[in-house]
Amino acid sequence: MKKNMECFSSKSTEERIREAAKRVFLEKGFDGATSRDIAEAAGINIALTNYYFRSKEKLFINIFEEMSSLFFEGMIEIMNKSITLREKIAELIAHDFRLMKENPSLSLFIMNEIHRNPDRMVNVLGCMKQIQHSMFEEQLQEAVKRGEIRPISAMHLMPIMVANVQFLFISKAMHMRMWHMSEADFDGFVSKHKDLVTDLITSYLFEFEKV
């Protein structure tokens, strides 16, 4: 029983450190965060933080890989679902909106850190390459051959979708101040924007012959 309690305690402490580090890194980035900041946020001492993760660098890499994977794991799962292309595009856009709403600092955090140290992107390139070999890409190219959509690849379509979603959250503070929005106002604005982005992209792809 004692051993089980110790394991539970260790797991709880490690998770507290990870959650605290995630908050601190999202707020301050790697350069701005200190081990003391993380320890204080977790409510423990620095020695214990170093015991579990050895260094700020190793803890940061651990958190960065976890946060980066959030961009791709749900996306790849949707790409390989057996649903229509229209449904898939709508789900991908909804997934990105949901992810950004739950993690509003995620996009800026990852972009800043990739700019600061682009070599870290090597660890997540495997997920990005899956886009080229997904059912989504196959569906796109089949639809292009049938003349149902504009000629486009997933590698071009994905940045179009992501950019239309993530800029809204990167510029959240500016939007709220400029338009005097409350959090509830911004949530309503985001919901409407999601519908507009979905309509914009699907109209561009599927209704080009009407233009």
N, C-alpha and C. Protein backbone atom coordinates (compact mmCIF):
# COMPACT_ATOMS: atom_id res chain seq x y z
N MET A 1 0.83 -1.20 0.00
CA MET A 1 0.00 0.00 0.00
C MET A 1 0.87 1.26 0.00
N LYS A 2 1.94 1.22 0.81
CA LYS A 2 2.81 2.38 0.88
C LYS A 2 3.44 2.68 -0.47
N LYS A 3 3.85 1.57 -1.18
CA LYS A 3 4.47 1.76 -2.49
C LYS A 3 3.48 2.38 -3.47
N ASN A 4 2.22 1.93 -3.42
CA ASN A 4 1.19 2.48 -4.31
C ASN A 4 0.96 3.96 -4.03
N MET A 5 0.95 4.31 -2.73
CA MET A 5 0.76 5.72 -2.35
C MET A 5 1.90 6.57 -2.85
N GLU A 6 3.15 6.03 -2.79
CA GLU A 6 4.30 6.78 -3.25
C GLU A 6 4.23 7.02 -4.76
N CYS A 7 3.77 5.96 -5.50
CA CYS A 7 3.64 6.10 -6.95
C CYS A 7 2.60 7.15 -7.29
N PHE A 8 1.49 7.12 -6.56
CA PHE A 8 0.42 8.08 -6.80
C PHE A 8 0.92 9.50 -6.53
N SER A 9 1.67 9.64 -5.41
CA SER A 9 2.19 10.95 -5.03
C SER A 9 3.16 11.46 -6.08
N SER A 10 4.05 10.57 -6.60
CA SER A 10 5.03 10.96 -7.59
C SER A 10 4.35 11.39 -8.88
N LYS A 11 3.34 10.62 -9.29
CA LYS A 11 2.62 10.97 -10.51
C LYS A 11 1.92 12.30 -10.36
N SER A 12 1.33 12.55 -9.21
CA SER A 12 0.62 13.79 -8.96
C SER A 12 1.57 14.98 -9.02
N THR A 13 2.75 14.82 -8.41
CA THR A 13 3.74 15.90 -8.40
C THR A 13 4.24 16.18 -9.81
N GLU A 14 4.51 15.14 -10.56
CA GLU A 14 5.00 15.31 -11.93
C GLU A 14 3.96 16.03 -12.79
N GLU A 15 2.70 15.66 -12.63
CA GLU A 15 1.64 16.31 -13.41
C GLU A 15 1.48 17.77 -12.99
N ARG A 16 1.63 18.05 -11.70
CA ARG A 16 1.56 19.44 -11.23
C ARG A 16 2.65 20.28 -11.87
N ILE A 17 3.85 19.72 -11.97
CA ILE A 17 4.96 20.44 -12.59
C ILE A 17 4.68 20.68 -14.06
N ARG A 18 4.18 19.65 -14.75
CA ARG A 18 3.90 19.77 -16.18
C ARG A 18 2.83 20.84 -16.44
N GLU A 19 1.76 20.80 -15.67
CA GLU A 19 0.68 21.78 -15.86
C GLU A 19 1.16 23.20 -15.55
N ALA A 20 1.97 23.34 -14.51
CA ALA A 20 2.50 24.65 -14.17
C ALA A 20 3.45 25.15 -15.26
N ALA A 21 4.30 24.25 -15.74
CA ALA A 21 5.25 24.61 -16.79
C ALA A 21 4.52 25.02 -18.06
N LYS A 22 3.45 24.32 -18.37
CA LYS A 22 2.67 24.64 -19.57
C LYS A 22 2.14 26.07 -19.47
N ARG A 23 1.59 26.43 -18.30
CA ARG A 23 1.06 27.78 -18.12
C ARG A 23 2.16 28.83 -18.23
N VAL A 24 3.29 28.56 -17.59
CA VAL A 24 4.38 29.53 -17.56
C VAL A 24 5.01 29.69 -18.95
N PHE A 25 5.25 28.57 -19.65
CA PHE A 25 5.84 28.65 -20.98
C PHE A 25 4.90 29.33 -21.97
N LEU A 26 3.61 29.06 -21.87
CA LEU A 26 2.65 29.71 -22.76
C LEU A 26 2.64 31.21 -22.55
N GLU A 27 2.81 31.61 -21.29
CA GLU A 27 2.77 33.05 -20.97
C GLU A 27 4.08 33.75 -21.30
N LYS A 28 5.21 33.09 -21.00
CA LYS A 28 6.51 33.78 -21.08
C LYS A 28 7.45 33.25 -22.15
N GLY A 29 7.14 32.08 -22.73
CA GLY A 29 8.07 31.48 -23.68
C GLY A 29 9.27 30.88 -22.95
N PHE A 30 10.17 30.25 -23.71
CA PHE A 30 11.32 29.60 -23.08
C PHE A 30 12.25 30.60 -22.43
N ASP A 31 12.60 31.65 -23.16
CA ASP A 31 13.58 32.62 -22.65
C ASP A 31 13.07 33.38 -21.44
N GLY A 32 11.77 33.68 -21.42
CA GLY A 32 11.23 34.47 -20.33
C GLY A 32 10.93 33.69 -19.07
N ALA A 33 10.76 32.37 -19.20
CA ALA A 33 10.42 31.53 -18.05
C ALA A 33 11.67 31.11 -17.29
N THR A 34 11.54 30.96 -15.99
CA THR A 34 12.64 30.45 -15.16
C THR A 34 12.16 29.23 -14.40
N SER A 35 13.11 28.43 -13.94
CA SER A 35 12.76 27.27 -13.13
C SER A 35 12.04 27.70 -11.85
N ARG A 36 12.41 28.86 -11.32
CA ARG A 36 11.74 29.37 -10.13
C ARG A 36 10.27 29.71 -10.42
N ASP A 37 10.02 30.29 -11.60
CA ASP A 37 8.64 30.59 -12.00
C ASP A 37 7.79 29.32 -12.01
N ILE A 38 8.36 28.26 -12.60
CA ILE A 38 7.63 27.00 -12.72
C ILE A 38 7.41 26.37 -11.35
N ALA A 39 8.44 26.39 -10.52
CA ALA A 39 8.32 25.81 -9.18
C ALA A 39 7.26 26.55 -8.36
N GLU A 40 7.27 27.88 -8.44
CA GLU A 40 6.28 28.67 -7.71
C GLU A 40 4.87 28.41 -8.21
N ALA A 41 4.73 28.27 -9.54
CA ALA A 41 3.41 28.01 -10.11
C ALA A 41 2.90 26.63 -9.70
N ALA A 42 3.82 25.69 -9.51
CA ALA A 42 3.44 24.33 -9.10
C ALA A 42 3.32 24.19 -7.59
N GLY A 43 3.79 25.19 -6.86
CA GLY A 43 3.72 25.14 -5.41
C GLY A 43 4.73 24.18 -4.80
N ILE A 44 5.90 24.04 -5.46
CA ILE A 44 6.95 23.16 -4.95
C ILE A 44 8.28 23.89 -5.01
N ASN A 45 9.37 23.24 -4.56
CA ASN A 45 10.68 23.89 -4.63
C ASN A 45 11.40 23.52 -5.93
N ILE A 46 12.42 24.31 -6.28
CA ILE A 46 13.15 24.12 -7.53
C ILE A 46 13.83 22.76 -7.57
N ALA A 47 14.35 22.31 -6.46
CA ALA A 47 15.05 21.03 -6.42
C ALA A 47 14.15 19.88 -6.87
N LEU A 48 12.89 19.95 -6.47
CA LEU A 48 11.94 18.90 -6.84
C LEU A 48 11.62 18.97 -8.33
N THR A 49 11.53 20.18 -8.85
CA THR A 49 11.30 20.35 -10.29
C THR A 49 12.45 19.73 -11.08
N ASN A 50 13.67 20.00 -10.66
CA ASN A 50 14.85 19.46 -11.34
C ASN A 50 14.96 17.95 -11.17
N TYR A 51 14.45 17.44 -10.06
CA TYR A 51 14.49 15.99 -9.80
C TYR A 51 13.68 15.26 -10.87
N TYR A 52 12.53 15.79 -11.23
CA TYR A 52 11.65 15.13 -12.19
C TYR A 52 12.06 15.38 -13.64
N PHE A 53 12.53 16.58 -13.96
CA PHE A 53 12.79 16.92 -15.36
C PHE A 53 14.23 17.36 -15.65
N ARG A 54 15.09 17.32 -14.66
CA ARG A 54 16.52 17.59 -14.81
C ARG A 54 16.88 19.03 -15.15
N SER A 55 16.17 19.63 -16.09
CA SER A 55 16.51 21.00 -16.47
C SER A 55 15.30 21.68 -17.10
N LYS A 56 15.37 22.99 -17.18
CA LYS A 56 14.30 23.75 -17.83
C LYS A 56 14.21 23.37 -19.30
N GLU A 57 15.37 23.14 -19.92
CA GLU A 57 15.41 22.78 -21.34
C GLU A 57 14.65 21.48 -21.59
N LYS A 58 14.91 20.45 -20.78
CA LYS A 58 14.25 19.16 -20.98
C LYS A 58 12.75 19.27 -20.70
N LEU A 59 12.39 20.03 -19.70
CA LEU A 59 10.97 20.23 -19.40
C LEU A 59 10.29 20.97 -20.54
N PHE A 60 10.99 21.97 -21.09
CA PHE A 60 10.42 22.72 -22.19
C PHE A 60 10.20 21.83 -23.41
N ILE A 61 11.18 21.02 -23.77
CA ILE A 61 11.06 20.12 -24.92
C ILE A 61 9.88 19.18 -24.72
N ASN A 62 9.73 18.67 -23.51
CA ASN A 62 8.62 17.79 -23.17
C ASN A 62 7.28 18.48 -23.42
N ILE A 63 7.16 19.71 -22.94
CA ILE A 63 5.92 20.48 -23.09
C ILE A 63 5.72 20.90 -24.55
N PHE A 64 6.79 21.32 -25.21
CA PHE A 64 6.69 21.78 -26.60
C PHE A 64 6.19 20.66 -27.50
N GLU A 65 6.73 19.45 -27.33
CA GLU A 65 6.30 18.32 -28.15
C GLU A 65 4.83 17.99 -27.89
N GLU A 66 4.43 18.07 -26.63
CA GLU A 66 3.03 17.80 -26.29
C GLU A 66 2.12 18.84 -26.93
N MET A 67 2.48 20.12 -26.80
CA MET A 67 1.65 21.19 -27.34
C MET A 67 1.63 21.16 -28.87
N SER A 68 2.77 20.85 -29.48
CA SER A 68 2.83 20.77 -30.94
C SER A 68 1.95 19.65 -31.46
N SER A 69 1.94 18.52 -30.76
CA SER A 69 1.15 17.37 -31.21
C SER A 69 -0.34 17.69 -31.21
N LEU A 70 -0.78 18.65 -30.38
CA LEU A 70 -2.19 19.03 -30.36
C LEU A 70 -2.63 19.58 -31.72
N PHE A 71 -1.68 20.17 -32.45
CA PHE A 71 -2.01 20.71 -33.77
C PHE A 71 -2.38 19.61 -34.76
N PHE A 72 -1.75 18.43 -34.58
CA PHE A 72 -1.80 17.44 -35.64
C PHE A 72 -2.60 16.17 -35.34
N GLU A 73 -2.61 15.72 -34.08
CA GLU A 73 -3.21 14.43 -33.79
C GLU A 73 -4.69 14.38 -34.16
N GLY A 74 -5.47 15.34 -33.66
CA GLY A 74 -6.89 15.36 -33.97
C GLY A 74 -7.13 15.61 -35.44
N MET A 75 -6.26 16.42 -36.05
CA MET A 75 -6.38 16.74 -37.47
C MET A 75 -6.24 15.49 -38.34
N ILE A 76 -5.20 14.69 -38.08
CA ILE A 76 -4.96 13.48 -38.87
C ILE A 76 -6.10 12.49 -38.70
N GLU A 77 -6.63 12.39 -37.49
CA GLU A 77 -7.76 11.48 -37.23
C GLU A 77 -8.97 11.87 -38.08
N ILE A 78 -9.27 13.17 -38.14
CA ILE A 78 -10.39 13.64 -38.97
C ILE A 78 -10.11 13.40 -40.45
N MET A 79 -8.88 13.63 -40.88
CA MET A 79 -8.52 13.44 -42.28
C MET A 79 -8.77 12.03 -42.77
N ASN A 80 -8.66 11.06 -41.87
CA ASN A 80 -8.81 9.66 -42.25
C ASN A 80 -10.19 9.09 -41.93
N LYS A 81 -11.13 9.94 -41.55
CA LYS A 81 -12.49 9.47 -41.30
C LYS A 81 -13.21 9.20 -42.61
N SER A 82 -14.15 8.25 -42.57
CA SER A 82 -14.93 7.90 -43.78
C SER A 82 -16.17 8.79 -43.86
N ILE A 83 -15.94 10.05 -44.19
CA ILE A 83 -17.02 11.02 -44.37
C ILE A 83 -16.77 11.79 -45.66
N THR A 84 -17.76 12.57 -46.11
CA THR A 84 -17.60 13.30 -47.36
C THR A 84 -16.56 14.40 -47.21
N LEU A 85 -16.08 14.89 -48.34
CA LEU A 85 -15.07 15.95 -48.34
C LEU A 85 -15.60 17.23 -47.70
N ARG A 86 -16.84 17.58 -47.99
CA ARG A 86 -17.44 18.77 -47.37
C ARG A 86 -17.50 18.62 -45.86
N GLU A 87 -17.93 17.45 -45.40
CA GLU A 87 -18.02 17.20 -43.96
C GLU A 87 -16.65 17.25 -43.32
N LYS A 88 -15.67 16.72 -44.02
CA LYS A 88 -14.31 16.67 -43.47
C LYS A 88 -13.73 18.07 -43.31
N ILE A 89 -13.93 18.90 -44.31
CA ILE A 89 -13.44 20.29 -44.24
C ILE A 89 -14.10 21.02 -43.08
N ALA A 90 -15.42 20.84 -42.93
CA ALA A 90 -16.14 21.50 -41.84
C ALA A 90 -15.63 21.00 -40.49
N GLU A 91 -15.35 19.70 -40.36
CA GLU A 91 -14.85 19.15 -39.10
C GLU A 91 -13.44 19.65 -38.79
N LEU A 92 -12.60 19.75 -39.81
CA LEU A 92 -11.23 20.24 -39.61
C LEU A 92 -11.24 21.69 -39.11
N ILE A 93 -12.10 22.51 -39.71
CA ILE A 93 -12.20 23.91 -39.29
C ILE A 93 -12.74 23.99 -37.87
N ALA A 94 -13.78 23.20 -37.56
CA ALA A 94 -14.36 23.19 -36.21
C ALA A 94 -13.34 22.71 -35.18
N HIS A 95 -12.54 21.72 -35.56
CA HIS A 95 -11.50 21.19 -34.66
C HIS A 95 -10.48 22.27 -34.33
N ASP A 96 -10.06 23.02 -35.35
CA ASP A 96 -9.06 24.07 -35.14
C ASP A 96 -9.63 25.18 -34.26
N PHE A 97 -10.88 25.57 -34.48
CA PHE A 97 -11.52 26.59 -33.65
C PHE A 97 -11.60 26.11 -32.19
N ARG A 98 -12.01 24.87 -32.02
CA ARG A 98 -12.14 24.32 -30.66
C ARG A 98 -10.79 24.27 -29.96
N LEU A 99 -9.77 23.83 -30.69
CA LEU A 99 -8.42 23.74 -30.12
C LEU A 99 -7.91 25.11 -29.71
N MET A 100 -8.11 26.11 -30.56
CA MET A 100 -7.64 27.45 -30.25
C MET A 100 -8.43 28.08 -29.10
N LYS A 101 -9.72 27.77 -29.04
CA LYS A 101 -10.53 28.32 -27.95
C LYS A 101 -10.10 27.75 -26.61
N GLU A 102 -9.77 26.46 -26.59
CA GLU A 102 -9.34 25.81 -25.35
C GLU A 102 -7.91 26.17 -24.99
N ASN A 103 -7.10 26.51 -26.00
CA ASN A 103 -5.69 26.85 -25.78
C ASN A 103 -5.36 28.13 -26.54
N PRO A 104 -5.89 29.27 -26.12
CA PRO A 104 -5.76 30.52 -26.89
C PRO A 104 -4.34 30.99 -27.12
N SER A 105 -3.41 30.58 -26.29
CA SER A 105 -2.01 31.02 -26.46
C SER A 105 -1.19 30.02 -27.26
N LEU A 106 -1.80 28.89 -27.64
CA LEU A 106 -1.04 27.81 -28.26
C LEU A 106 -0.38 28.22 -29.57
N SER A 107 -1.14 28.83 -30.47
CA SER A 107 -0.61 29.17 -31.79
C SER A 107 0.58 30.13 -31.70
N LEU A 108 0.42 31.20 -30.91
CA LEU A 108 1.49 32.18 -30.77
C LEU A 108 2.71 31.56 -30.11
N PHE A 109 2.47 30.70 -29.11
CA PHE A 109 3.56 30.02 -28.42
C PHE A 109 4.40 29.20 -29.39
N ILE A 110 3.75 28.37 -30.19
CA ILE A 110 4.47 27.50 -31.11
C ILE A 110 5.18 28.30 -32.19
N MET A 111 4.52 29.32 -32.72
CA MET A 111 5.16 30.14 -33.76
C MET A 111 6.39 30.87 -33.22
N ASN A 112 6.27 31.40 -32.02
CA ASN A 112 7.40 32.11 -31.42
C ASN A 112 8.59 31.18 -31.20
N GLU A 113 8.30 29.98 -30.68
CA GLU A 113 9.38 29.06 -30.36
C GLU A 113 10.00 28.45 -31.61
N ILE A 114 9.20 28.23 -32.66
CA ILE A 114 9.75 27.73 -33.92
C ILE A 114 10.65 28.80 -34.53
N HIS A 115 10.23 30.07 -34.42
CA HIS A 115 11.06 31.17 -34.93
C HIS A 115 12.36 31.26 -34.13
N ARG A 116 12.25 31.05 -32.83
CA ARG A 116 13.43 31.14 -31.97
C ARG A 116 14.37 29.97 -32.21
N ASN A 117 13.81 28.77 -32.40
CA ASN A 117 14.63 27.57 -32.58
C ASN A 117 13.94 26.64 -33.56
N PRO A 118 14.08 26.87 -34.88
CA PRO A 118 13.36 26.08 -35.89
C PRO A 118 13.71 24.60 -35.88
N ASP A 119 14.84 24.22 -35.32
CA ASP A 119 15.21 22.81 -35.28
C ASP A 119 14.21 21.97 -34.50
N ARG A 120 13.48 22.60 -33.57
CA ARG A 120 12.50 21.84 -32.80
C ARG A 120 11.40 21.29 -33.69
N MET A 121 11.17 21.94 -34.83
CA MET A 121 10.09 21.50 -35.71
C MET A 121 10.36 20.12 -36.28
N VAL A 122 11.61 19.70 -36.30
CA VAL A 122 11.97 18.39 -36.82
C VAL A 122 11.19 17.29 -36.08
N ASN A 123 10.95 17.50 -34.80
CA ASN A 123 10.27 16.49 -34.00
C ASN A 123 8.80 16.31 -34.35
N VAL A 124 8.19 17.29 -35.04
CA VAL A 124 6.78 17.16 -35.38
C VAL A 124 6.55 17.06 -36.88
N LEU A 125 7.62 17.03 -37.68
CA LEU A 125 7.47 16.94 -39.13
C LEU A 125 6.82 15.64 -39.56
N GLY A 126 7.02 14.58 -38.78
CA GLY A 126 6.42 13.30 -39.13
C GLY A 126 4.91 13.41 -39.21
N CYS A 127 4.30 14.14 -38.27
CA CYS A 127 2.85 14.34 -38.28
C CYS A 127 2.44 15.16 -39.50
N MET A 128 3.21 16.18 -39.84
CA MET A 128 2.88 17.02 -40.98
C MET A 128 2.93 16.23 -42.28
N LYS A 129 3.89 15.32 -42.39
CA LYS A 129 4.03 14.53 -43.61
C LYS A 129 2.87 13.56 -43.80
N GLN A 130 2.20 13.20 -42.70
CA GLN A 130 1.05 12.32 -42.81
C GLN A 130 -0.08 12.94 -43.62
N ILE A 131 -0.12 14.28 -43.68
CA ILE A 131 -1.16 14.97 -44.44
C ILE A 131 -1.11 14.56 -45.91
N GLN A 132 0.12 14.43 -46.45
CA GLN A 132 0.28 14.10 -47.86
C GLN A 132 -0.18 12.68 -48.18
N HIS A 133 -0.24 11.82 -47.17
CA HIS A 133 -0.60 10.43 -47.40
C HIS A 133 -1.92 10.06 -46.72
N SER A 134 -2.72 11.05 -46.41
CA SER A 134 -3.98 10.82 -45.73
C SER A 134 -5.12 10.58 -46.71
N MET A 135 -6.23 10.06 -46.19
CA MET A 135 -7.44 9.89 -47.00
C MET A 135 -7.94 11.24 -47.50
N PHE A 136 -7.67 12.30 -46.74
CA PHE A 136 -8.09 13.64 -47.12
C PHE A 136 -7.46 14.06 -48.44
N GLU A 137 -6.17 13.81 -48.57
CA GLU A 137 -5.48 14.15 -49.82
C GLU A 137 -6.03 13.32 -50.98
N GLU A 138 -6.30 12.05 -50.74
CA GLU A 138 -6.87 11.19 -51.78
C GLU A 138 -8.24 11.71 -52.22
N GLN A 139 -9.07 12.08 -51.24
CA GLN A 139 -10.38 12.62 -51.57
C GLN A 139 -10.28 13.91 -52.36
N LEU A 140 -9.36 14.76 -51.98
CA LEU A 140 -9.17 16.02 -52.70
C LEU A 140 -8.81 15.77 -54.16
N GLN A 141 -7.84 14.90 -54.38
CA GLN A 141 -7.38 14.67 -55.75
C GLN A 141 -8.42 13.94 -56.60
N GLU A 142 -9.21 13.07 -55.98
CA GLU A 142 -10.30 12.42 -56.70
C GLU A 142 -11.36 13.45 -57.11
N ALA A 143 -11.66 14.38 -56.20
CA ALA A 143 -12.63 15.43 -56.50
C ALA A 143 -12.12 16.37 -57.58
N VAL A 144 -10.81 16.64 -57.57
CA VAL A 144 -10.20 17.48 -58.61
C VAL A 144 -10.34 16.79 -59.97
N LYS A 145 -10.06 15.50 -60.02
CA LYS A 145 -10.14 14.76 -61.29
C LYS A 145 -11.56 14.74 -61.83
N ARG A 146 -12.55 14.68 -60.94
CA ARG A 146 -13.95 14.67 -61.37
C ARG A 146 -14.46 16.07 -61.71
N GLY A 147 -13.63 17.08 -61.48
CA GLY A 147 -14.03 18.45 -61.77
C GLY A 147 -14.97 19.04 -60.74
N GLU A 148 -15.01 18.46 -59.52
CA GLU A 148 -15.94 18.91 -58.49
C GLU A 148 -15.40 20.09 -57.69
N ILE A 149 -14.08 20.21 -57.62
CA ILE A 149 -13.47 21.29 -56.86
C ILE A 149 -12.31 21.88 -57.66
N ARG A 150 -11.85 23.03 -57.23
CA ARG A 150 -10.68 23.65 -57.85
C ARG A 150 -9.47 22.74 -57.65
N PRO A 151 -8.51 22.77 -58.57
CA PRO A 151 -7.26 22.02 -58.37
C PRO A 151 -6.51 22.56 -57.15
N ILE A 152 -6.29 21.69 -56.18
CA ILE A 152 -5.61 22.10 -54.95
C ILE A 152 -5.11 20.86 -54.23
N SER A 153 -4.07 21.00 -53.44
CA SER A 153 -3.56 19.89 -52.62
C SER A 153 -3.82 20.19 -51.16
N ALA A 154 -3.75 19.15 -50.33
CA ALA A 154 -3.96 19.33 -48.89
C ALA A 154 -2.91 20.26 -48.30
N MET A 155 -1.69 20.21 -48.84
CA MET A 155 -0.62 21.04 -48.31
C MET A 155 -0.85 22.52 -48.58
N HIS A 156 -1.67 22.86 -49.57
CA HIS A 156 -2.06 24.24 -49.78
C HIS A 156 -3.35 24.58 -49.03
N LEU A 157 -4.27 23.63 -49.01
CA LEU A 157 -5.56 23.90 -48.38
C LEU A 157 -5.44 24.06 -46.86
N MET A 158 -4.59 23.25 -46.23
CA MET A 158 -4.48 23.30 -44.76
C MET A 158 -4.02 24.67 -44.26
N PRO A 159 -2.98 25.30 -44.85
CA PRO A 159 -2.60 26.64 -44.38
C PRO A 159 -3.71 27.67 -44.57
N ILE A 160 -4.50 27.51 -45.65
CA ILE A 160 -5.61 28.44 -45.86
C ILE A 160 -6.61 28.33 -44.71
N MET A 161 -6.93 27.11 -44.31
CA MET A 161 -7.88 26.90 -43.21
C MET A 161 -7.29 27.38 -41.89
N VAL A 162 -6.06 26.96 -41.61
CA VAL A 162 -5.42 27.28 -40.33
C VAL A 162 -5.25 28.79 -40.15
N ALA A 163 -4.81 29.47 -41.20
CA ALA A 163 -4.57 30.90 -41.11
C ALA A 163 -5.85 31.67 -40.80
N ASN A 164 -6.96 31.25 -41.40
CA ASN A 164 -8.23 31.93 -41.17
C ASN A 164 -8.79 31.70 -39.78
N VAL A 165 -8.29 30.68 -39.11
CA VAL A 165 -8.73 30.39 -37.75
C VAL A 165 -7.79 31.03 -36.73
N GLN A 166 -6.52 30.77 -36.87
CA GLN A 166 -5.59 31.10 -35.80
C GLN A 166 -5.31 32.58 -35.64
N PHE A 167 -5.36 33.35 -36.73
CA PHE A 167 -5.12 34.79 -36.59
C PHE A 167 -6.14 35.42 -35.66
N LEU A 168 -7.38 34.91 -35.70
CA LEU A 168 -8.43 35.45 -34.85
C LEU A 168 -8.06 35.34 -33.38
N PHE A 169 -7.43 34.23 -33.00
CA PHE A 169 -7.08 34.02 -31.60
C PHE A 169 -5.76 34.70 -31.24
N ILE A 170 -4.85 34.79 -32.19
CA ILE A 170 -3.61 35.51 -31.95
C ILE A 170 -3.90 36.99 -31.68
N SER A 171 -4.91 37.51 -32.39
CA SER A 171 -5.26 38.93 -32.25
C SER A 171 -6.46 39.14 -31.32
N LYS A 172 -6.74 38.17 -30.47
CA LYS A 172 -7.91 38.24 -29.59
C LYS A 172 -7.94 39.53 -28.76
N ALA A 173 -6.83 39.84 -28.10
CA ALA A 173 -6.79 41.02 -27.24
C ALA A 173 -7.07 42.29 -28.03
N MET A 174 -6.53 42.37 -29.24
CA MET A 174 -6.75 43.54 -30.09
C MET A 174 -8.23 43.64 -30.47
N HIS A 175 -8.84 42.52 -30.88
CA HIS A 175 -10.25 42.52 -31.26
C HIS A 175 -11.13 42.96 -30.08
N MET A 176 -10.85 42.43 -28.90
CA MET A 176 -11.68 42.74 -27.74
C MET A 176 -11.59 44.22 -27.38
N ARG A 177 -10.40 44.78 -27.47
CA ARG A 177 -10.23 46.20 -27.13
C ARG A 177 -10.81 47.11 -28.23
N MET A 178 -10.55 46.74 -29.47
CA MET A 178 -11.00 47.57 -30.58
C MET A 178 -12.52 47.64 -30.66
N TRP A 179 -13.19 46.51 -30.42
CA TRP A 179 -14.64 46.44 -30.57
C TRP A 179 -15.36 46.40 -29.23
N HIS A 180 -14.60 46.65 -28.14
CA HIS A 180 -15.18 46.70 -26.78
C HIS A 180 -15.98 45.43 -26.47
N MET A 181 -15.34 44.29 -26.68
CA MET A 181 -15.99 43.00 -26.48
C MET A 181 -15.73 42.46 -25.08
N SER A 182 -16.72 41.79 -24.53
CA SER A 182 -16.53 40.98 -23.33
C SER A 182 -16.12 39.58 -23.80
N GLU A 183 -15.79 38.70 -22.86
CA GLU A 183 -15.46 37.33 -23.23
C GLU A 183 -16.65 36.67 -23.93
N ALA A 184 -17.85 36.94 -23.43
CA ALA A 184 -19.05 36.37 -24.05
C ALA A 184 -19.24 36.90 -25.47
N ASP A 185 -18.97 38.19 -25.66
CA ASP A 185 -19.06 38.79 -26.99
C ASP A 185 -18.07 38.13 -27.95
N PHE A 186 -16.86 37.93 -27.46
CA PHE A 186 -15.83 37.32 -28.30
C PHE A 186 -16.19 35.89 -28.66
N ASP A 187 -16.74 35.14 -27.71
CA ASP A 187 -17.16 33.77 -27.98
C ASP A 187 -18.22 33.73 -29.08
N GLY A 188 -19.17 34.67 -29.03
CA GLY A 188 -20.19 34.75 -30.06
C GLY A 188 -19.59 35.12 -31.40
N PHE A 189 -18.63 36.03 -31.38
CA PHE A 189 -17.93 36.46 -32.59
C PHE A 189 -17.18 35.29 -33.21
N VAL A 190 -16.52 34.50 -32.38
CA VAL A 190 -15.76 33.33 -32.84
C VAL A 190 -16.69 32.31 -33.48
N SER A 191 -17.84 32.07 -32.86
CA SER A 191 -18.80 31.10 -33.39
C SER A 191 -19.28 31.51 -34.78
N LYS A 192 -19.60 32.78 -34.93
CA LYS A 192 -20.03 33.30 -36.23
C LYS A 192 -18.89 33.23 -37.25
N HIS A 193 -17.68 33.55 -36.80
CA HIS A 193 -16.53 33.54 -37.68
C HIS A 193 -16.25 32.12 -38.20
N LYS A 194 -16.44 31.13 -37.35
CA LYS A 194 -16.24 29.73 -37.76
C LYS A 194 -17.17 29.39 -38.92
N ASP A 195 -18.43 29.78 -38.82
CA ASP A 195 -19.39 29.52 -39.90
C ASP A 195 -18.99 30.24 -41.19
N LEU A 196 -18.52 31.49 -41.03
CA LEU A 196 -18.11 32.27 -42.21
C LEU A 196 -16.89 31.63 -42.90
N VAL A 197 -15.92 31.19 -42.10
CA VAL A 197 -14.72 30.56 -42.67
C VAL A 197 -15.09 29.27 -43.40
N THR A 198 -15.98 28.48 -42.79
CA THR A 198 -16.42 27.24 -43.43
C THR A 198 -17.11 27.53 -44.76
N ASP A 199 -18.02 28.50 -44.76
CA ASP A 199 -18.72 28.88 -45.99
C ASP A 199 -17.76 29.42 -47.04
N LEU A 200 -16.82 30.25 -46.59
CA LEU A 200 -15.85 30.86 -47.49
C LEU A 200 -15.02 29.81 -48.22
N ILE A 201 -14.49 28.86 -47.46
CA ILE A 201 -13.59 27.86 -48.04
C ILE A 201 -14.34 26.84 -48.89
N THR A 202 -15.49 26.38 -48.42
CA THR A 202 -16.25 25.40 -49.22
C THR A 202 -16.79 26.05 -50.50
N SER A 203 -17.20 27.31 -50.42
CA SER A 203 -17.67 28.01 -51.62
C SER A 203 -16.53 28.17 -52.63
N TYR A 204 -15.35 28.51 -52.12
CA TYR A 204 -14.19 28.65 -53.00
C TYR A 204 -13.88 27.33 -53.70
N LEU A 205 -13.96 26.23 -52.97
CA LEU A 205 -13.59 24.94 -53.53
C LEU A 205 -14.66 24.36 -54.46
N PHE A 206 -15.91 24.37 -54.00
CA PHE A 206 -16.97 23.63 -54.68
C PHE A 206 -17.81 24.46 -55.65
N GLU A 207 -17.84 25.76 -55.50
CA GLU A 207 -18.76 26.56 -56.29
C GLU A 207 -18.03 27.47 -57.28
N PHE A 208 -16.79 27.13 -57.61
CA PHE A 208 -16.02 28.00 -58.50
C PHE A 208 -16.61 28.05 -59.91
N GLU A 209 -17.32 26.97 -60.32
CA GLU A 209 -17.86 26.96 -61.68
C GLU A 209 -18.99 27.96 -61.86
N LYS A 210 -19.56 28.46 -60.73
CA LYS A 210 -20.65 29.43 -60.80
C LYS A 210 -20.14 30.85 -61.02
N VAL A 211 -18.83 31.04 -60.76
CA VAL A 211 -18.26 32.39 -60.85
C VAL A 211 -18.09 32.80 -62.31
